[in-house]
Amino acid sequence: MPSPRRYLVASTSLPLTLSWGWNLGLYLGMLLLLLLLLVLLLWLLLRQLKYSVGSLGRLPGRSLPDPCLGLTLRCHIFILEDLLLCWRSETVAKSDFGSVWVEPHERLEMSAHLLENTFSEKMLKSRRRRNLYHLSYHLSYHLAYHISYHLAYHLAYHISYHLAYRLVGLSRNSNGEGSVRPFVHFNAKQDAEFLHKAMKGIGTDEDAVLMLLTGRSNSQRQEIKDAYKKSYRKDLLSALKSELEGLFESLIVALMTPPVSYDASLLHKALKGVGTDDDVLVEILASRSREQLKDISKTYKKEFGAKLEKDIMSDTSGHYEKLLLLLLQGNREEGVNEGKIEKDAKDLFEAGASKIGTDEEVFISILGKRSHEHLRQVFAAYKKLSGSDIEDCIKSETTGNLENLMVAIVKCIRSVPAYFAEALYGSMRRAGTDDGTLMRIMVSRSEVDMLDIREVFCRTYKASLYNTIQEDTKGDYGKALLYLCGGNDTVGAF
């Protein structure tokens, strides 16, 4: 049984080994620390501006607080000197005004006029400094206000978002193994309005789009789509396609598609595109349940106007085609037939490893018709009989697409999460990332068994799926995949 920690669904690179209460305290502490640093930065900025503006008029090497004070003192000296000259009744005097002889009273008037101009210049400079100070103050204030507002808003949004996810994870029982759960306080109209604002105007808030859509189940996304159509008379999927691009667009479109329709569209593209994408055929037909395959066939016919069975027959052949059709028909037996376990194991051994050549019909019949519970016991009996696993026999006796399909069936019968964990590892640990496989698995398994896939991946490859995705992807596309992953895991914790 998985540990409770695995149900604390989160989508940040912060350590997730703590409980949700500790994580909430960590988030709030970070918020308070950032706000404190912002206030300190604002105070230092205003203080620096104040001293910078105040020091503009200071003379080098002087401690005068005003740029005009030295000149004012000189004018005072001139006036006192002129008063002294007038008191002594001197007729002329030599002054700093030039080598012009002037009367004492004229010299006094000129000094007074200079003093008046000095005071006017002083007031003008003082006003300019004051205006510059107020402009700098208001500019800094508004800049700091907007920064702090948006920072607080986004932090509060992230905190509430992750806290809600943790509460959802703790409130659900252990039957759900998906990383994406239905949002508890869901409101389709509000979410539609939120997406509309995120796409409104110049540019798109991709973070808002990916956080909301990865935080809602597929059925809730369909309700958002309907609410958006009703409120804005536009198709949400078309609006998203017009605003997004590249792999991120493809991922969001996949998330907005119902699971059955998504599988049907993948099969249609695999069969009707350039060549046949056998990897998609093998993955879907080997891993989906009998009920899912029936729904896929109905949806395929409804959306594309053709029978899936006929399209498979036109694009494949031989034993590979026969096994695909047998899986699609979903005619597996139910339960375990104790009397056939040893016989099936012996038939498989005699059809392959015990003779030259291979009787593929025996493998197709047993692998395509027996129940999963029955086949697990057959595989155990086969290993006891032959000394090797059934996968080794298949790989030595068959080749090509038939080999890949049979091996995939055996792996899915043993463990579907292990099958997808291996597929995810192969999609990223090669020359270049197989984004098609990566995206397909992350979308289709996010509400089914992603937490089990993460556990198997971490235990098998000694690395977390979260970190592996983070190393191989980037941008909004990578962020969205990390949200679908649902959190990080500690190697050795399983």
Protein backbone atom coordinates (compact mmCIF):
# COMPACT_ATOMS: atom_id res chain seq x y z
CA MET A 1 0.00 0.00 0.00
CA PRO A 2 1.52 3.40 -0.92
CA SER A 3 2.55 5.72 1.85
CA PRO A 4 0.33 8.75 2.58
CA ARG A 5 3.05 11.10 1.37
CA ARG A 6 2.38 10.06 -2.21
CA TYR A 7 -1.07 11.58 -2.08
CA LEU A 8 0.17 15.04 -1.28
CA VAL A 9 -0.08 16.12 -4.88
CA ALA A 10 2.09 19.10 -5.66
CA SER A 11 3.78 20.65 -8.65
CA THR A 12 6.80 22.55 -7.47
CA SER A 13 10.42 21.53 -7.15
CA LEU A 14 10.27 22.08 -3.37
CA PRO A 15 10.84 18.98 -1.25
CA LEU A 16 7.58 17.09 -0.82
CA THR A 17 8.65 14.80 1.98
CA LEU A 18 7.10 17.14 4.55
CA SER A 19 3.46 17.06 5.51
CA TRP A 20 1.08 19.60 4.03
CA GLY A 21 1.02 21.59 7.29
CA TRP A 22 4.77 22.04 7.25
CA ASN A 23 4.70 22.95 3.58
CA LEU A 24 2.05 25.62 4.26
CA GLY A 25 4.23 27.10 6.99
CA LEU A 26 7.16 27.10 4.59
CA TYR A 27 5.14 28.95 1.94
CA LEU A 28 3.90 31.57 4.42
CA GLY A 29 7.41 32.05 5.78
CA MET A 30 8.72 32.61 2.27
CA LEU A 31 5.95 35.14 1.59
CA LEU A 32 6.67 37.14 4.76
CA LEU A 33 10.42 37.07 4.10
CA LEU A 34 9.98 38.35 0.55
CA LEU A 35 7.66 41.14 1.67
CA LEU A 36 10.15 42.15 4.38
CA LEU A 37 13.00 42.23 1.87
CA LEU A 38 10.87 44.29 -0.51
CA VAL A 39 10.09 46.89 2.19
CA LEU A 40 13.79 47.07 3.12
CA LEU A 41 14.74 47.52 -0.54
CA LEU A 42 12.18 50.32 -0.94
CA TRP A 43 13.47 52.09 2.18
CA LEU A 44 17.07 51.89 0.99
CA LEU A 45 16.07 53.16 -2.45
CA LEU A 46 14.21 56.19 -1.09
CA ARG A 47 17.03 56.92 1.37
CA GLN A 48 19.60 56.79 -1.41
CA LEU A 49 17.48 59.03 -3.64
CA LYS A 50 17.09 61.56 -0.82
CA TYR A 51 20.82 61.84 -0.20
CA SER A 52 21.62 61.76 -3.92
CA VAL A 53 19.26 64.65 -4.68
CA GLY A 54 20.41 66.59 -1.61
CA SER A 55 24.06 66.31 -2.61
CA LEU A 56 23.61 67.55 -6.18
CA GLY A 57 24.30 71.18 -5.23
CA ARG A 58 27.14 70.66 -2.80
CA LEU A 59 30.52 72.11 -3.70
CA PRO A 60 33.48 69.77 -3.69
CA GLY A 61 35.31 69.75 -0.38
CA ARG A 62 32.62 71.92 1.31
CA SER A 63 30.01 70.97 3.89
CA LEU A 64 27.56 73.68 2.78
CA PRO A 65 24.03 72.26 2.62
CA ASP A 66 22.97 74.63 -0.15
CA PRO A 67 24.63 75.29 -3.55
CA CYS A 68 23.95 79.03 -3.39
CA LEU A 69 24.98 79.68 0.19
CA GLY A 70 28.62 80.47 -0.62
CA LEU A 71 27.60 83.02 -3.23
CA THR A 72 25.06 84.49 -0.82
CA LEU A 73 27.76 85.03 1.82
CA ARG A 74 29.90 86.76 -0.77
CA CYS A 75 27.00 89.10 -1.57
CA HIS A 76 26.58 89.86 2.12
CA ILE A 77 30.28 90.74 2.27
CA PHE A 78 29.89 93.01 -0.78
CA ILE A 79 26.96 94.83 0.81
CA LEU A 80 28.77 95.28 4.13
CA GLU A 81 31.80 96.52 2.24
CA ASP A 82 29.64 99.01 0.32
CA LEU A 83 27.98 100.23 3.51
CA LEU A 84 31.43 100.77 4.96
CA LEU A 85 32.51 102.70 1.87
CA CYS A 86 29.41 104.84 2.04
CA TRP A 87 29.97 105.55 5.75
CA ARG A 88 33.55 106.70 4.97
CA SER A 89 32.17 108.88 2.11
CA GLU A 90 34.63 107.53 -0.39
CA THR A 91 33.87 108.56 -3.95
CA VAL A 92 35.00 105.55 -5.80
CA ALA A 93 35.98 101.97 -5.13
CA LYS A 94 37.48 99.10 -6.95
CA SER A 95 35.24 96.05 -6.92
CA ASP A 96 35.00 92.55 -8.23
CA PHE A 97 32.53 93.77 -10.80
CA GLY A 98 35.36 94.76 -13.09
CA SER A 99 37.75 97.66 -13.60
CA VAL A 100 34.92 100.17 -13.87
CA TRP A 101 34.69 103.13 -11.57
CA VAL A 102 31.22 103.45 -10.02
CA GLU A 103 29.61 105.53 -7.37
CA PRO A 104 29.15 103.96 -3.91
CA HIS A 105 25.36 104.07 -4.05
CA GLU A 106 25.45 102.47 -7.54
CA ARG A 107 27.77 99.78 -6.19
CA LEU A 108 25.30 99.19 -3.34
CA GLU A 109 22.39 98.85 -5.76
CA MET A 110 24.35 96.42 -7.93
CA SER A 111 25.20 94.28 -4.89
CA ALA A 112 21.58 94.25 -3.75
CA HIS A 113 20.49 93.30 -7.27
CA LEU A 114 23.04 90.48 -7.32
CA LEU A 115 21.75 89.26 -3.94
CA GLU A 116 18.17 89.33 -5.24
CA ASN A 117 19.17 87.30 -8.33
CA THR A 118 21.08 84.92 -6.12
CA PHE A 119 18.05 84.27 -3.93
CA SER A 120 15.89 83.80 -7.02
CA GLU A 121 18.36 81.30 -8.44
CA LYS A 122 18.53 79.56 -5.08
CA MET A 123 14.74 79.23 -4.91
CA LEU A 124 14.59 77.96 -8.49
CA LYS A 125 17.22 75.30 -7.87
CA SER A 126 15.56 74.34 -4.62
CA ARG A 127 12.23 73.94 -6.43
CA ARG A 128 13.84 71.83 -9.12
CA ARG A 129 15.43 69.59 -6.49
CA ARG A 130 12.13 69.29 -4.69
CA ASN A 131 10.30 68.38 -7.91
CA LEU A 132 12.98 65.82 -8.77
CA TYR A 133 12.70 64.34 -5.28
CA HIS A 134 8.91 64.07 -5.49
CA LEU A 135 9.10 62.55 -8.98
CA SER A 136 11.64 59.97 -7.84
CA TYR A 137 9.64 59.26 -4.71
CA HIS A 138 6.36 58.66 -6.54
CA LEU A 139 8.06 56.64 -9.26
CA SER A 140 9.74 54.40 -6.69
CA TYR A 141 6.55 54.14 -4.66
CA HIS A 142 4.40 53.02 -7.58
CA LEU A 143 7.06 50.67 -8.86
CA ALA A 144 7.45 49.05 -5.45
CA TYR A 145 3.68 48.93 -5.00
CA HIS A 146 3.07 47.09 -8.26
CA ILE A 147 5.95 44.68 -7.67
CA SER A 148 4.79 43.85 -4.16
CA TYR A 149 1.15 43.55 -5.29
CA HIS A 150 1.86 41.10 -8.11
CA LEU A 151 4.36 39.17 -6.01
CA ALA A 152 1.89 38.81 -3.15
CA TYR A 153 -0.91 37.89 -5.57
CA HIS A 154 1.03 35.13 -7.31
CA LEU A 155 2.42 33.75 -4.06
CA ALA A 156 -1.03 33.68 -2.51
CA TYR A 157 -2.39 31.95 -5.62
CA HIS A 158 0.33 29.30 -5.54
CA ILE A 159 -0.11 28.74 -1.80
CA SER A 160 -3.89 28.34 -2.02
CA TYR A 161 -3.57 26.17 -5.12
CA HIS A 162 -1.09 23.71 -3.58
CA LEU A 163 -2.85 23.74 -0.21
CA ALA A 164 -6.12 22.83 -1.91
CA TYR A 165 -4.37 19.99 -3.71
CA ARG A 166 -2.98 18.66 -0.46
CA LEU A 167 -6.36 18.83 1.21
CA VAL A 168 -7.87 16.98 -1.75
CA GLY A 169 -5.15 14.33 -1.56
CA LEU A 170 -5.65 13.81 2.18
CA SER A 171 -9.43 13.68 1.91
CA ARG A 172 -9.48 10.93 -0.73
CA ASN A 173 -8.99 7.26 -0.03
CA SER A 174 -6.21 5.12 -1.43
CA ASN A 175 -8.29 3.73 -4.30
CA GLY A 176 -7.28 6.62 -6.57
CA GLU A 177 -3.79 6.38 -8.01
CA GLY A 178 -3.88 9.37 -10.34
CA SER A 179 -1.89 12.54 -9.79
CA VAL A 180 -4.76 14.68 -11.12
CA ARG A 181 -7.92 14.66 -9.03
CA PRO A 182 -11.28 16.44 -9.36
CA PHE A 183 -10.99 19.89 -7.79
CA VAL A 184 -13.20 20.08 -4.70
CA HIS A 185 -14.44 23.70 -4.89
CA PHE A 186 -14.96 23.55 -8.63
CA ASN A 187 -16.79 26.35 -10.43
CA ALA A 188 -16.83 26.01 -14.21
CA LYS A 189 -17.99 29.59 -14.82
CA GLN A 190 -15.23 31.10 -12.67
CA ASP A 191 -12.59 28.92 -14.34
CA ALA A 192 -13.87 29.95 -17.78
CA GLU A 193 -13.63 33.60 -16.77
CA PHE A 194 -10.13 33.02 -15.42
CA LEU A 195 -8.99 31.49 -18.71
CA HIS A 196 -10.63 34.31 -20.68
CA LYS A 197 -8.67 36.92 -18.69
CA ALA A 198 -5.46 34.91 -19.13
CA MET A 199 -5.86 35.01 -22.92
CA LYS A 200 -7.29 38.53 -23.17
CA GLY A 201 -5.24 41.35 -24.65
CA ILE A 202 -1.69 41.22 -25.96
CA GLY A 203 0.04 38.01 -24.96
CA THR A 204 -1.18 35.08 -22.90
CA ASP A 205 -0.53 34.14 -19.28
CA GLU A 206 0.65 30.60 -20.01
CA ASP A 207 1.33 29.89 -16.34
CA ALA A 208 -2.29 30.61 -15.46
CA VAL A 209 -3.54 28.39 -18.28
CA LEU A 210 -1.36 25.40 -17.43
CA MET A 211 -1.89 25.65 -13.67
CA LEU A 212 -5.66 25.72 -13.97
CA LEU A 213 -6.06 23.01 -16.62
CA THR A 214 -3.63 20.59 -14.97
CA GLY A 215 -5.46 21.18 -11.69
CA ARG A 216 -8.83 20.00 -13.01
CA SER A 217 -9.98 16.52 -13.99
CA ASN A 218 -10.91 15.82 -17.58
CA SER A 219 -14.63 15.86 -16.85
CA GLN A 220 -14.23 19.26 -15.17
CA ARG A 221 -12.34 20.56 -18.21
CA GLN A 222 -15.31 19.60 -20.37
CA GLU A 223 -17.59 21.62 -18.07
CA ILE A 224 -15.21 24.58 -18.36
CA LYS A 225 -15.35 24.24 -22.13
CA ASP A 226 -19.17 24.39 -22.07
CA ALA A 227 -19.19 27.34 -19.64
CA TYR A 228 -16.72 29.25 -21.84
CA LYS A 229 -18.89 28.66 -24.91
CA LYS A 230 -21.96 29.86 -23.06
CA SER A 231 -20.32 32.99 -21.62
CA TYR A 232 -18.21 34.19 -24.56
CA ARG A 233 -19.83 32.55 -27.61
CA LYS A 234 -16.47 31.08 -28.59
CA ASP A 235 -14.95 27.62 -28.55
CA LEU A 236 -12.36 27.32 -25.79
CA LEU A 237 -10.26 24.80 -27.68
CA SER A 238 -10.04 27.13 -30.71
CA ALA A 239 -9.13 30.05 -28.44
CA LEU A 240 -6.35 28.02 -26.79
CA LYS A 241 -4.99 26.93 -30.17
CA SER A 242 -4.85 30.55 -31.36
CA GLU A 243 -2.93 31.68 -28.27
CA LEU A 244 -0.51 28.78 -27.75
CA GLU A 245 2.03 27.06 -29.95
CA GLY A 246 4.38 24.12 -30.26
CA LEU A 247 4.48 21.21 -27.86
CA PHE A 248 2.70 23.23 -25.19
CA GLU A 249 -0.27 23.73 -27.50
CA SER A 250 -0.38 20.01 -28.33
CA LEU A 251 -0.28 19.11 -24.64
CA ILE A 252 -3.10 21.51 -23.69
CA VAL A 253 -5.25 20.29 -26.60
CA ALA A 254 -4.69 16.70 -25.43
CA LEU A 255 -5.74 17.65 -21.88
CA MET A 256 -8.91 19.28 -23.19
CA THR A 257 -9.90 16.13 -25.13
CA PRO A 258 -12.04 13.43 -23.42
CA PRO A 259 -9.95 10.26 -22.77
CA VAL A 260 -11.90 8.01 -25.14
CA SER A 261 -11.81 10.63 -27.91
CA TYR A 262 -8.11 11.16 -27.27
CA ASP A 263 -7.36 7.43 -27.72
CA ALA A 264 -9.56 7.29 -30.83
CA SER A 265 -7.77 10.31 -32.35
CA LEU A 266 -4.37 8.77 -31.60
CA LEU A 267 -5.37 5.53 -33.33
CA HIS A 268 -6.78 7.41 -36.31
CA LYS A 269 -3.58 9.42 -36.68
CA ALA A 270 -1.49 6.25 -36.31
CA LEU A 271 -3.43 4.48 -39.07
CA LYS A 272 -4.19 7.35 -41.46
CA GLY A 273 -0.99 9.34 -41.20
CA VAL A 274 2.16 8.86 -43.25
CA GLY A 275 2.88 5.18 -42.59
CA THR A 276 1.59 3.29 -39.57
CA ASP A 277 2.63 4.26 -36.05
CA ASP A 278 2.79 0.75 -34.59
CA ASP A 279 4.01 2.01 -31.22
CA VAL A 280 0.67 3.76 -30.67
CA LEU A 281 -1.33 0.71 -31.81
CA VAL A 282 0.61 -1.59 -29.51
CA GLU A 283 0.45 0.73 -26.50
CA ILE A 284 -3.29 1.42 -26.62
CA LEU A 285 -4.54 -2.04 -27.57
CA ALA A 286 -2.26 -3.81 -25.08
CA SER A 287 -2.92 -1.53 -22.08
CA ARG A 288 -6.62 -0.63 -22.28
CA SER A 289 -9.34 -2.70 -20.67
CA ARG A 290 -12.03 -4.56 -22.59
CA GLU A 291 -14.64 -1.89 -21.76
CA GLN A 292 -12.30 0.92 -22.79
CA LEU A 293 -11.57 -0.73 -26.15
CA LYS A 294 -15.28 -1.09 -26.88
CA ASP A 295 -15.84 2.60 -26.12
CA ILE A 296 -12.87 3.54 -28.29
CA SER A 297 -14.31 1.58 -31.25
CA LYS A 298 -17.69 3.33 -30.92
CA THR A 299 -16.10 6.78 -30.63
CA TYR A 300 -13.80 6.08 -33.58
CA LYS A 301 -16.75 5.27 -35.81
CA LYS A 302 -18.73 8.29 -34.58
CA GLU A 303 -15.95 10.85 -35.02
CA PHE A 304 -14.20 9.54 -38.13
CA GLY A 305 -17.00 7.73 -39.95
CA ALA A 306 -15.10 4.46 -40.28
CA LYS A 307 -14.70 1.20 -38.38
CA LEU A 308 -11.49 0.89 -36.42
CA GLU A 309 -11.37 -2.82 -37.17
CA LYS A 310 -11.38 -2.24 -40.93
CA ASP A 311 -8.72 0.47 -40.72
CA ILE A 312 -6.47 -1.90 -38.74
CA MET A 313 -7.00 -4.63 -41.32
CA SER A 314 -6.07 -2.26 -44.15
CA ASP A 315 -2.84 -1.12 -42.47
CA THR A 316 -1.53 -4.36 -40.90
CA SER A 317 -1.19 -8.01 -41.86
CA GLY A 318 -0.35 -11.52 -40.73
CA HIS A 319 -0.23 -12.73 -37.15
CA TYR A 320 0.28 -9.14 -35.98
CA GLU A 321 -3.04 -8.11 -37.51
CA LYS A 322 -4.82 -11.15 -36.07
CA LEU A 323 -3.66 -10.45 -32.51
CA LEU A 324 -4.56 -6.76 -32.78
CA LEU A 325 -8.09 -7.62 -33.88
CA LEU A 326 -8.42 -10.22 -31.12
CA LEU A 327 -7.50 -7.60 -28.54
CA LEU A 328 -9.87 -5.05 -30.07
CA GLN A 329 -12.80 -7.43 -29.93
CA GLY A 330 -12.31 -7.82 -26.18
CA ASN A 331 -13.38 -11.46 -25.94
CA ARG A 332 -11.20 -12.40 -23.00
CA GLU A 333 -12.43 -15.05 -20.61
CA GLU A 334 -13.19 -14.14 -17.02
CA GLY A 335 -11.62 -15.54 -13.88
CA VAL A 336 -9.06 -18.31 -13.46
CA ASN A 337 -9.51 -21.78 -14.92
CA GLU A 338 -7.43 -23.95 -12.62
CA GLY A 339 -7.59 -26.91 -14.98
CA LYS A 340 -6.00 -24.97 -17.86
CA ILE A 341 -3.06 -23.34 -16.09
CA GLU A 342 -0.60 -26.24 -16.47
CA LYS A 343 -1.93 -27.10 -19.91
CA ASP A 344 -1.54 -23.52 -21.22
CA ALA A 345 1.99 -23.34 -19.86
CA LYS A 346 2.87 -26.64 -21.53
CA ASP A 347 1.26 -25.56 -24.83
CA LEU A 348 3.27 -22.34 -24.88
CA PHE A 349 6.48 -24.25 -24.15
CA GLU A 350 5.82 -26.80 -26.89
CA ALA A 351 4.82 -24.07 -29.37
CA GLY A 352 8.10 -22.23 -28.97
CA ALA A 353 11.14 -23.19 -26.96
CA SER A 354 10.86 -27.00 -27.22
CA LYS A 355 10.96 -27.21 -31.01
CA ILE A 356 12.43 -25.69 -34.11
CA GLY A 357 10.13 -23.01 -35.42
CA THR A 358 7.22 -21.33 -33.64
CA ASP A 359 3.49 -21.97 -33.62
CA GLU A 360 2.31 -18.36 -33.39
CA GLU A 361 -1.36 -19.39 -33.36
CA VAL A 362 -0.96 -20.95 -29.91
CA PHE A 363 0.61 -17.78 -28.50
CA ILE A 364 -2.08 -15.59 -30.10
CA SER A 365 -4.91 -17.74 -28.80
CA ILE A 366 -3.67 -17.93 -25.20
CA LEU A 367 -2.41 -14.34 -24.90
CA GLY A 368 -5.49 -12.90 -26.60
CA LYS A 369 -8.28 -14.91 -24.93
CA ARG A 370 -7.31 -15.80 -21.37
CA SER A 371 -8.01 -13.43 -18.47
CA HIS A 372 -5.18 -11.45 -16.90
CA GLU A 373 -5.53 -13.28 -13.60
CA HIS A 374 -5.30 -16.64 -15.37
CA LEU A 375 -2.30 -15.61 -17.48
CA ARG A 376 -0.28 -14.49 -14.44
CA GLN A 377 -0.50 -17.99 -13.06
CA VAL A 378 0.30 -19.44 -16.51
CA PHE A 379 3.46 -17.31 -16.68
CA ALA A 380 4.56 -18.58 -13.26
CA ALA A 381 3.93 -22.20 -14.34
CA TYR A 382 5.82 -21.58 -17.60
CA LYS A 383 8.90 -20.34 -15.72
CA LYS A 384 8.81 -23.39 -13.47
CA LEU A 385 8.54 -25.64 -16.52
CA SER A 386 11.14 -24.00 -18.82
CA GLY A 387 13.38 -22.19 -16.35
CA SER A 388 12.95 -18.85 -18.15
CA ASP A 389 10.40 -16.06 -18.38
CA ILE A 390 7.78 -16.05 -21.12
CA GLU A 391 9.16 -12.73 -22.40
CA ASP A 392 12.51 -14.37 -23.17
CA CYS A 393 10.75 -17.08 -25.15
CA ILE A 394 8.75 -14.53 -27.16
CA LYS A 395 11.85 -12.48 -27.97
CA SER A 396 13.73 -15.57 -29.15
CA GLU A 397 10.84 -17.01 -31.20
CA THR A 398 9.27 -13.91 -32.83
CA THR A 399 10.41 -10.66 -34.39
CA GLY A 400 9.16 -7.25 -35.44
CA ASN A 401 5.73 -5.84 -34.57
CA LEU A 402 4.39 -9.22 -33.43
CA GLU A 403 7.21 -9.54 -30.91
CA ASN A 404 6.63 -5.98 -29.64
CA LEU A 405 2.89 -6.58 -29.29
CA MET A 406 3.25 -9.90 -27.44
CA VAL A 407 5.88 -8.51 -25.08
CA ALA A 408 3.68 -5.47 -24.39
CA ILE A 409 0.71 -7.74 -23.61
CA VAL A 410 2.79 -9.80 -21.16
CA LYS A 411 4.18 -6.68 -19.46
CA CYS A 412 0.73 -5.12 -19.10
CA ILE A 413 -0.64 -8.37 -17.68
CA ARG A 414 2.13 -8.38 -15.10
CA SER A 415 1.93 -4.66 -14.25
CA VAL A 416 0.51 -1.78 -16.29
CA PRO A 417 2.38 0.88 -14.23
CA ALA A 418 5.67 -0.97 -14.78
CA TYR A 419 4.98 -1.07 -18.53
CA PHE A 420 4.43 2.69 -18.69
CA ALA A 421 7.36 3.44 -16.38
CA GLU A 422 9.62 1.60 -18.81
CA ALA A 423 8.07 3.41 -21.76
CA LEU A 424 8.59 6.79 -20.09
CA TYR A 425 12.21 5.98 -19.30
CA GLY A 426 12.79 4.94 -22.90
CA SER A 427 11.18 8.15 -24.20
CA MET A 428 13.65 10.35 -22.32
CA ARG A 429 16.85 8.33 -21.95
CA ARG A 430 17.76 8.23 -25.60
CA ALA A 431 19.31 10.54 -28.20
CA GLY A 432 16.59 13.18 -28.18
CA THR A 433 13.29 13.08 -26.34
CA ASP A 434 10.34 11.16 -27.78
CA ASP A 435 7.82 13.89 -26.94
CA GLY A 436 4.95 12.00 -28.57
CA THR A 437 5.31 9.04 -26.21
CA LEU A 438 6.06 11.24 -23.21
CA MET A 439 3.03 13.46 -23.77
CA ARG A 440 0.71 10.56 -24.59
CA ILE A 441 1.51 8.66 -21.40
CA MET A 442 1.49 11.69 -19.10
CA VAL A 443 -1.93 12.78 -20.37
CA SER A 444 -3.59 9.36 -20.53
CA ARG A 445 -2.31 8.08 -17.16
CA SER A 446 -2.49 11.28 -15.07
CA GLU A 447 -5.94 10.35 -13.70
CA VAL A 448 -5.42 6.58 -13.71
CA ASP A 449 -2.17 5.32 -12.17
CA MET A 450 0.47 8.09 -12.37
CA LEU A 451 1.43 7.72 -8.70
CA ASP A 452 2.09 3.99 -9.19
CA ILE A 453 4.10 4.75 -12.33
CA ARG A 454 6.19 7.24 -10.35
CA GLU A 455 6.85 4.64 -7.67
CA VAL A 456 7.92 1.95 -10.12
CA PHE A 457 10.04 4.43 -12.07
CA CYS A 458 11.87 5.60 -8.94
CA ARG A 459 12.40 2.08 -7.62
CA THR A 460 13.56 0.65 -10.98
CA TYR A 461 15.75 3.43 -12.34
CA LYS A 462 16.97 5.03 -9.08
CA ALA A 463 15.76 8.45 -10.21
CA SER A 464 12.50 10.29 -9.78
CA LEU A 465 10.22 10.75 -12.77
CA TYR A 466 9.86 14.43 -11.82
CA ASN A 467 13.61 15.11 -12.03
CA THR A 468 13.94 13.11 -15.24
CA ILE A 469 11.19 15.15 -16.92
CA GLN A 470 12.73 18.36 -15.59
CA GLU A 471 16.09 17.47 -17.17
CA ASP A 472 14.61 16.54 -20.57
CA THR A 473 12.00 19.25 -21.12
CA LYS A 474 11.79 23.01 -20.81
CA GLY A 475 9.44 25.98 -20.95
CA ASP A 476 5.70 25.90 -20.39
CA TYR A 477 5.55 22.43 -21.92
CA GLY A 478 7.94 21.11 -19.27
CA LYS A 479 6.08 22.92 -16.47
CA ALA A 480 2.76 21.37 -17.50
CA LEU A 481 4.28 17.89 -17.58
CA LEU A 482 5.65 18.41 -14.08
CA TYR A 483 2.20 19.40 -12.85
CA LEU A 484 0.77 16.23 -14.41
CA CYS A 485 3.53 14.24 -12.72
CA GLY A 486 2.13 15.48 -9.43
CA GLY A 487 5.31 15.90 -7.38
CA ASN A 488 8.80 14.65 -6.69
CA ASP A 489 9.93 11.42 -5.02
CA THR A 490 12.97 10.61 -2.92
CA VAL A 491 15.12 7.81 -4.28
CA GLY A 492 15.10 4.94 -1.81
CA ALA A 493 11.76 5.93 -0.27
CA PHE A 494 9.96 2.95 -1.84
